[in-house]
Amino acid sequence: MSASVTQARRETRLRFSVAEAGTQARDWIALLKPRVISLVVFTGATGLFLAPGHIGIWRSAIAILCICLASGAAGAINMWYDRDIDAVMRRTITRPVPAGRIPEDEALAYGVGLSALSVALMWLATNTLAAGILAFSIFFYAVIYTMWLKRSTPQNIVIGGAAGAFPPMIGWAAVTGSMSVLPVVLFLIVFLWTPPHFWSLSLYACKDYGRAGIPMLPVVRGARHTRRQIFAYTPVLLAVSLVPSLLHECGALYTVAAVVLGLGFMACAVAVLREAQTQDGVSLNGDKAARRSFRFSLLYLSLLFMALIADHLVTLWLA
């Protein structure tokens, strides 16, 4: 066998090894639900940025990293526990655990290990309150929501939404070591945002949830009732989003953004409500309005918290 052929085979094996390692790395990252992490980290960083006081750039970076790790850890435990239902849902069947690319016990160990690491690191870098809320947020999502609420009640998203609403409080507590009205209001904003956000998704993923036996609202109560609930939450969300302005915690920039974004969300909810349906609750015009509402809800929360940051910067500049 010539040296050139041997070298070519070695290079081929190396390329395969690199490609396999890259695929495995992507699977371990996917186990953390990175798309969910991005929004969670952003809201947590907003709470940290708005908090009075200063803990330094490195401790701030560690606090944000801990929120990131904790969110990913909860997502990994969620994927481990939900592997049975993920295997029968079209949008989740390719996830690493149900697809068999990551063993079940390794996924659980990964989630538990990252959970412990994130809480311990937060405690060492900041304070007990921030670490305590972080630990409770992991427990709430992984145990209360994933293992109990998700499979037992159509109000799973309403109650379980608290899990994703803790980050602004965690960020605030990391800086101050205490709690105040503003981070609690930010918690309520995310809490009230969660049902219309996820119910919009569940409207066009209804068959998937039904196939998996998950009692999401459109599966249990029907699409028409779900559309009404989406609409009912949006004016309440708009009202709560204006509380920081009423408490003089924010200025005109945030107030205008909250009103415009809130009215935009309400408009999306009206479109979802008015979408024509057949007798079995399936839209005659497809699920375009629900999909638009879901996409806008992501934009809504991102822009609202960006407005909080921008408003705070303007206030600092004018002071």
Protein backbone atom coordinates (compact mmCIF):
# COMPACT_ATOMS: atom_id res chain seq x y z
CA MET A 1 0.00 0.00 0.00
CA SER A 2 1.47 3.31 -1.02
CA ALA A 3 2.18 6.08 1.47
CA SER A 4 -0.20 8.42 -0.34
CA VAL A 5 -3.12 5.98 0.06
CA THR A 6 -2.35 5.49 3.76
CA GLN A 7 -2.20 9.24 4.27
CA ALA A 8 -5.51 9.71 2.45
CA ARG A 9 -7.22 7.14 4.69
CA ARG A 10 -5.84 8.81 7.80
CA GLU A 11 -7.16 12.17 6.63
CA THR A 12 -10.56 10.62 5.88
CA ARG A 13 -10.76 9.06 9.37
CA LEU A 14 -9.75 12.38 10.90
CA ARG A 15 -12.47 14.22 9.00
CA PHE A 16 -15.06 11.68 10.14
CA SER A 17 -13.85 12.00 13.76
CA VAL A 18 -14.06 15.77 13.64
CA ALA A 19 -17.52 15.66 12.05
CA GLU A 20 -18.74 13.16 14.67
CA ALA A 21 -17.34 15.28 17.50
CA GLY A 22 -19.06 18.33 16.07
CA THR A 23 -22.38 16.49 15.86
CA GLN A 24 -22.08 15.29 19.47
CA ALA A 25 -21.25 18.81 20.65
CA ARG A 26 -24.32 20.17 18.87
CA ASP A 27 -26.47 17.52 20.56
CA TRP A 28 -25.21 18.43 24.03
CA ILE A 29 -25.85 22.09 23.28
CA ALA A 30 -29.32 21.29 21.90
CA LEU A 31 -30.08 19.53 25.19
CA LEU A 32 -29.84 22.95 26.88
CA LYS A 33 -32.58 24.48 24.67
CA PRO A 34 -30.40 27.40 23.48
CA ARG A 35 -33.29 29.33 21.90
CA VAL A 36 -35.05 29.43 25.26
CA ILE A 37 -31.82 30.34 27.04
CA SER A 38 -31.26 33.46 24.94
CA LEU A 39 -34.48 35.14 26.09
CA VAL A 40 -34.09 33.97 29.70
CA VAL A 41 -30.54 35.33 29.87
CA PHE A 42 -31.62 38.63 28.33
CA THR A 43 -34.40 39.21 30.87
CA GLY A 44 -32.05 38.21 33.69
CA ALA A 45 -29.35 40.57 32.43
CA THR A 46 -31.96 43.33 32.28
CA GLY A 47 -32.80 42.84 35.96
CA LEU A 48 -29.10 42.95 36.78
CA PHE A 49 -28.57 46.11 34.71
CA LEU A 50 -31.52 47.97 36.24
CA ALA A 51 -30.63 47.13 39.84
CA PRO A 52 -29.13 49.93 41.94
CA GLY A 53 -25.54 49.33 42.89
CA HIS A 54 -22.56 47.77 41.17
CA ILE A 55 -20.93 44.35 41.55
CA GLY A 56 -18.22 44.64 38.91
CA ILE A 57 -18.00 43.29 35.40
CA TRP A 58 -16.65 39.86 36.35
CA ARG A 59 -19.25 39.10 39.00
CA SER A 60 -21.95 40.38 36.65
CA ALA A 61 -20.64 38.09 33.91
CA ILE A 62 -20.61 35.13 36.31
CA ALA A 63 -24.18 35.90 37.42
CA ILE A 64 -25.36 35.94 33.79
CA LEU A 65 -23.44 32.72 33.12
CA CYS A 66 -25.17 31.10 36.09
CA ILE A 67 -28.60 32.09 34.78
CA CYS A 68 -27.59 30.64 31.41
CA LEU A 69 -26.37 27.37 32.94
CA ALA A 70 -29.43 27.05 35.18
CA SER A 71 -31.82 27.57 32.28
CA GLY A 72 -29.95 25.00 30.21
CA ALA A 73 -29.85 22.56 33.12
CA ALA A 74 -33.62 22.80 33.61
CA GLY A 75 -34.07 22.29 29.86
CA ALA A 76 -31.89 19.17 29.95
CA ILE A 77 -33.89 17.67 32.83
CA ASN A 78 -37.07 18.56 30.93
CA MET A 79 -35.83 16.71 27.83
CA TRP A 80 -34.83 13.71 29.93
CA TYR A 81 -38.24 13.45 31.61
CA ASP A 82 -40.25 14.22 28.45
CA ARG A 83 -38.38 11.73 26.26
CA ASP A 84 -41.49 9.55 25.93
CA ILE A 85 -43.78 12.31 24.67
CA ASP A 86 -41.02 13.97 22.63
CA ALA A 87 -40.71 10.70 20.71
CA VAL A 88 -44.29 11.00 19.37
CA MET A 89 -44.37 14.73 18.60
CA ARG A 90 -43.21 15.88 15.18
CA ARG A 91 -41.49 19.03 16.39
CA THR A 92 -39.54 17.21 19.13
CA ILE A 93 -38.90 13.74 17.72
CA THR A 94 -35.43 14.70 16.52
CA ARG A 95 -34.27 15.92 19.95
CA PRO A 96 -31.09 14.19 21.17
CA VAL A 97 -32.66 11.93 23.83
CA PRO A 98 -35.72 10.53 21.97
CA ALA A 99 -33.57 10.17 18.85
CA GLY A 100 -31.13 8.04 20.85
CA ARG A 101 -28.08 10.22 20.28
CA ILE A 102 -27.66 10.95 24.01
CA PRO A 103 -28.34 8.23 26.62
CA GLU A 104 -31.12 8.98 29.13
CA ASP A 105 -28.98 8.65 32.27
CA GLU A 106 -26.28 10.90 30.81
CA ALA A 107 -28.85 13.58 29.97
CA LEU A 108 -30.17 13.51 33.55
CA ALA A 109 -26.67 13.64 35.06
CA TYR A 110 -25.84 16.53 32.74
CA GLY A 111 -28.89 18.52 33.88
CA VAL A 112 -28.43 17.81 37.59
CA GLY A 113 -24.70 18.56 37.44
CA LEU A 114 -25.20 21.88 35.68
CA SER A 115 -27.96 22.77 38.15
CA ALA A 116 -25.67 22.24 41.13
CA LEU A 117 -22.81 24.08 39.43
CA SER A 118 -24.93 27.12 38.54
CA VAL A 119 -26.39 27.50 42.03
CA ALA A 120 -23.06 27.00 43.81
CA LEU A 121 -21.31 29.44 41.49
CA MET A 122 -24.05 32.05 41.91
CA TRP A 123 -23.81 31.73 45.71
CA LEU A 124 -20.04 32.10 45.68
CA ALA A 125 -20.03 35.02 43.23
CA THR A 126 -23.03 37.00 44.51
CA ASN A 127 -25.25 36.15 47.48
CA THR A 128 -27.61 33.66 49.08
CA LEU A 129 -30.84 35.29 47.86
CA ALA A 130 -29.83 35.18 44.18
CA ALA A 131 -28.64 31.58 44.53
CA GLY A 132 -31.85 30.62 46.35
CA ILE A 133 -34.16 32.09 43.69
CA LEU A 134 -32.03 30.46 40.99
CA ALA A 135 -32.32 27.06 42.67
CA PHE A 136 -36.08 27.46 43.10
CA SER A 137 -36.50 28.44 39.43
CA ILE A 138 -34.75 25.21 38.35
CA PHE A 139 -36.91 23.17 40.74
CA PHE A 140 -40.07 24.91 39.57
CA TYR A 141 -39.44 24.21 35.88
CA ALA A 142 -37.96 20.73 36.19
CA VAL A 143 -40.25 19.33 38.89
CA ILE A 144 -43.38 21.42 39.39
CA TYR A 145 -43.97 22.20 35.71
CA THR A 146 -42.34 19.32 33.82
CA MET A 147 -43.12 16.43 36.15
CA TRP A 148 -46.47 17.59 37.51
CA LEU A 149 -48.33 20.43 35.82
CA LYS A 150 -47.50 19.74 32.17
CA ARG A 151 -49.27 16.37 32.08
CA SER A 152 -52.02 17.03 34.61
CA THR A 153 -53.80 20.32 33.85
CA PRO A 154 -54.59 22.63 30.92
CA GLN A 155 -53.42 25.45 33.18
CA ASN A 156 -49.90 24.03 32.98
CA ILE A 157 -48.55 27.03 31.09
CA VAL A 158 -50.32 29.58 33.31
CA ILE A 159 -48.83 28.26 36.57
CA GLY A 160 -45.65 26.90 35.03
CA GLY A 161 -44.96 30.24 33.40
CA ALA A 162 -43.50 31.40 36.70
CA ALA A 163 -40.40 29.31 36.00
CA GLY A 164 -39.34 31.52 33.12
CA ALA A 165 -40.31 34.72 34.92
CA PHE A 166 -37.72 34.50 37.71
CA PRO A 167 -34.59 35.72 35.82
CA PRO A 168 -35.22 39.49 36.26
CA MET A 169 -35.57 38.88 40.01
CA ILE A 170 -32.40 36.77 40.03
CA GLY A 171 -30.44 39.46 38.20
CA TRP A 172 -31.68 42.15 40.59
CA ALA A 173 -30.93 40.04 43.67
CA ALA A 174 -27.44 39.27 42.40
CA VAL A 175 -26.61 42.98 42.63
CA THR A 176 -28.58 44.10 45.67
CA GLY A 177 -29.00 40.98 47.78
CA SER A 178 -32.59 42.08 48.32
CA MET A 179 -35.88 42.44 46.45
CA SER A 180 -37.89 45.47 45.33
CA VAL A 181 -41.09 46.37 43.50
CA LEU A 182 -39.60 46.74 39.99
CA PRO A 183 -38.17 43.19 39.65
CA VAL A 184 -41.47 41.79 40.96
CA VAL A 185 -43.33 43.76 38.26
CA LEU A 186 -40.90 42.41 35.65
CA PHE A 187 -41.66 38.92 36.96
CA LEU A 188 -45.38 39.60 36.49
CA ILE A 189 -44.84 40.88 32.95
CA VAL A 190 -43.08 37.68 31.89
CA PHE A 191 -45.59 35.59 33.84
CA LEU A 192 -48.56 37.17 32.04
CA TRP A 193 -46.77 37.07 28.68
CA THR A 194 -46.20 33.32 28.84
CA PRO A 195 -49.79 32.02 28.36
CA PRO A 196 -50.64 33.97 25.17
CA HIS A 197 -47.14 33.19 23.87
CA PHE A 198 -47.38 29.42 24.35
CA TRP A 199 -51.09 29.13 23.59
CA SER A 200 -50.40 30.69 20.19
CA LEU A 201 -47.89 27.91 19.61
CA SER A 202 -50.26 25.25 20.92
CA LEU A 203 -52.97 26.32 18.45
CA TYR A 204 -50.94 25.18 15.48
CA ALA A 205 -49.21 22.33 17.34
CA CYS A 206 -52.50 21.05 18.75
CA LYS A 207 -52.37 17.68 16.97
CA ASP A 208 -48.88 17.08 18.29
CA TYR A 209 -49.94 17.75 21.87
CA GLY A 210 -53.04 15.62 21.47
CA ARG A 211 -51.00 12.73 20.06
CA ALA A 212 -48.69 12.93 23.09
CA GLY A 213 -51.57 13.15 25.57
CA ILE A 214 -50.56 16.55 26.90
CA PRO A 215 -53.64 18.48 28.18
CA MET A 216 -52.80 21.78 26.55
CA LEU A 217 -55.70 24.22 26.50
CA PRO A 218 -56.71 23.78 22.81
CA VAL A 219 -56.64 19.99 23.26
CA VAL A 220 -58.88 20.05 26.35
CA ARG A 221 -61.09 23.11 25.79
CA GLY A 222 -60.82 23.63 22.04
CA ALA A 223 -59.31 26.26 19.77
CA ARG A 224 -62.14 28.78 20.19
CA HIS A 225 -61.74 28.91 23.98
CA THR A 226 -57.96 29.15 23.61
CA ARG A 227 -58.29 32.10 21.24
CA ARG A 228 -60.49 33.89 23.76
CA GLN A 229 -57.97 33.27 26.51
CA ILE A 230 -55.12 34.64 24.39
CA PHE A 231 -57.12 37.80 23.79
CA ALA A 232 -58.09 38.09 27.48
CA TYR A 233 -54.48 38.09 28.64
CA THR A 234 -53.16 40.81 26.31
CA PRO A 235 -54.94 43.87 27.82
CA VAL A 236 -53.97 42.68 31.30
CA LEU A 237 -50.39 42.37 30.12
CA LEU A 238 -50.53 45.88 28.67
CA ALA A 239 -51.83 47.27 31.96
CA VAL A 240 -49.16 45.54 34.05
CA SER A 241 -46.41 46.61 31.64
CA LEU A 242 -47.32 50.23 32.44
CA VAL A 243 -46.92 49.78 36.20
CA PRO A 244 -43.21 50.74 36.12
CA SER A 245 -44.25 54.04 34.53
CA LEU A 246 -46.99 54.62 37.10
CA LEU A 247 -44.47 53.98 39.88
CA HIS A 248 -42.06 56.45 38.23
CA GLU A 249 -39.49 53.67 37.80
CA CYS A 250 -39.30 54.36 34.06
CA GLY A 251 -39.57 57.35 31.76
CA ALA A 252 -41.36 58.32 28.57
CA LEU A 253 -39.26 56.12 26.29
CA TYR A 254 -40.32 52.94 28.04
CA THR A 255 -43.92 54.12 28.41
CA VAL A 256 -44.32 54.75 24.68
CA ALA A 257 -42.69 51.42 23.84
CA ALA A 258 -44.93 49.54 26.30
CA VAL A 259 -48.08 51.11 24.84
CA VAL A 260 -47.11 50.50 21.21
CA LEU A 261 -45.95 46.93 21.81
CA GLY A 262 -48.95 46.16 24.01
CA LEU A 263 -51.39 47.41 21.37
CA GLY A 264 -49.50 45.41 18.76
CA PHE A 265 -49.86 42.25 20.85
CA MET A 266 -53.57 42.97 21.30
CA ALA A 267 -53.94 43.38 17.53
CA CYS A 268 -52.34 39.97 17.03
CA ALA A 269 -54.69 38.49 19.62
CA VAL A 270 -57.70 40.02 17.86
CA ALA A 271 -56.55 38.47 14.58
CA VAL A 272 -56.25 35.09 16.30
CA LEU A 273 -59.71 35.52 17.85
CA ARG A 274 -61.33 36.43 14.54
CA GLU A 275 -59.71 33.67 12.53
CA ALA A 276 -62.48 31.57 10.97
CA GLN A 277 -62.88 28.02 12.26
CA THR A 278 -64.57 24.81 11.26
CA GLN A 279 -66.79 22.88 13.62
CA ASP A 280 -63.89 20.82 14.95
CA GLY A 281 -61.95 23.94 15.91
CA VAL A 282 -59.47 23.91 13.06
CA SER A 283 -59.03 27.19 11.22
CA LEU A 284 -60.43 27.40 7.70
CA ASN A 285 -57.65 29.83 6.81
CA GLY A 286 -54.86 27.76 8.34
CA ASP A 287 -52.98 28.94 11.38
CA LYS A 288 -51.41 32.11 10.01
CA ALA A 289 -52.73 34.38 12.76
CA ALA A 290 -51.55 32.04 15.53
CA ARG A 291 -48.10 31.78 13.97
CA ARG A 292 -47.88 35.57 13.63
CA SER A 293 -48.97 35.99 17.23
CA PHE A 294 -46.31 33.53 18.41
CA ARG A 295 -43.56 35.28 16.45
CA PHE A 296 -44.71 38.72 17.60
CA SER A 297 -44.78 37.59 21.23
CA LEU A 298 -41.05 36.84 21.03
CA LEU A 299 -40.42 40.24 19.49
CA TYR A 300 -42.67 41.89 22.07
CA LEU A 301 -40.77 40.67 25.12
CA SER A 302 -37.37 41.35 23.58
CA LEU A 303 -38.24 44.91 22.57
CA LEU A 304 -40.00 45.67 25.85
CA PHE A 305 -36.93 44.74 27.88
CA MET A 306 -34.69 46.56 25.41
CA ALA A 307 -36.85 49.63 26.03
CA LEU A 308 -36.28 49.23 29.78
CA ILE A 309 -32.53 49.25 29.24
CA ALA A 310 -32.64 52.18 26.79
CA ASP A 311 -34.86 54.18 29.12
CA HIS A 312 -32.49 53.55 32.02
CA LEU A 313 -29.51 54.66 29.94
CA VAL A 314 -31.31 57.86 28.94
CA THR A 315 -32.14 58.54 32.60
CA LEU A 316 -28.50 58.07 33.59
CA TRP A 317 -27.34 60.33 30.75
CA LEU A 318 -29.76 63.10 31.72
CA ALA A 319 -28.96 62.88 35.43
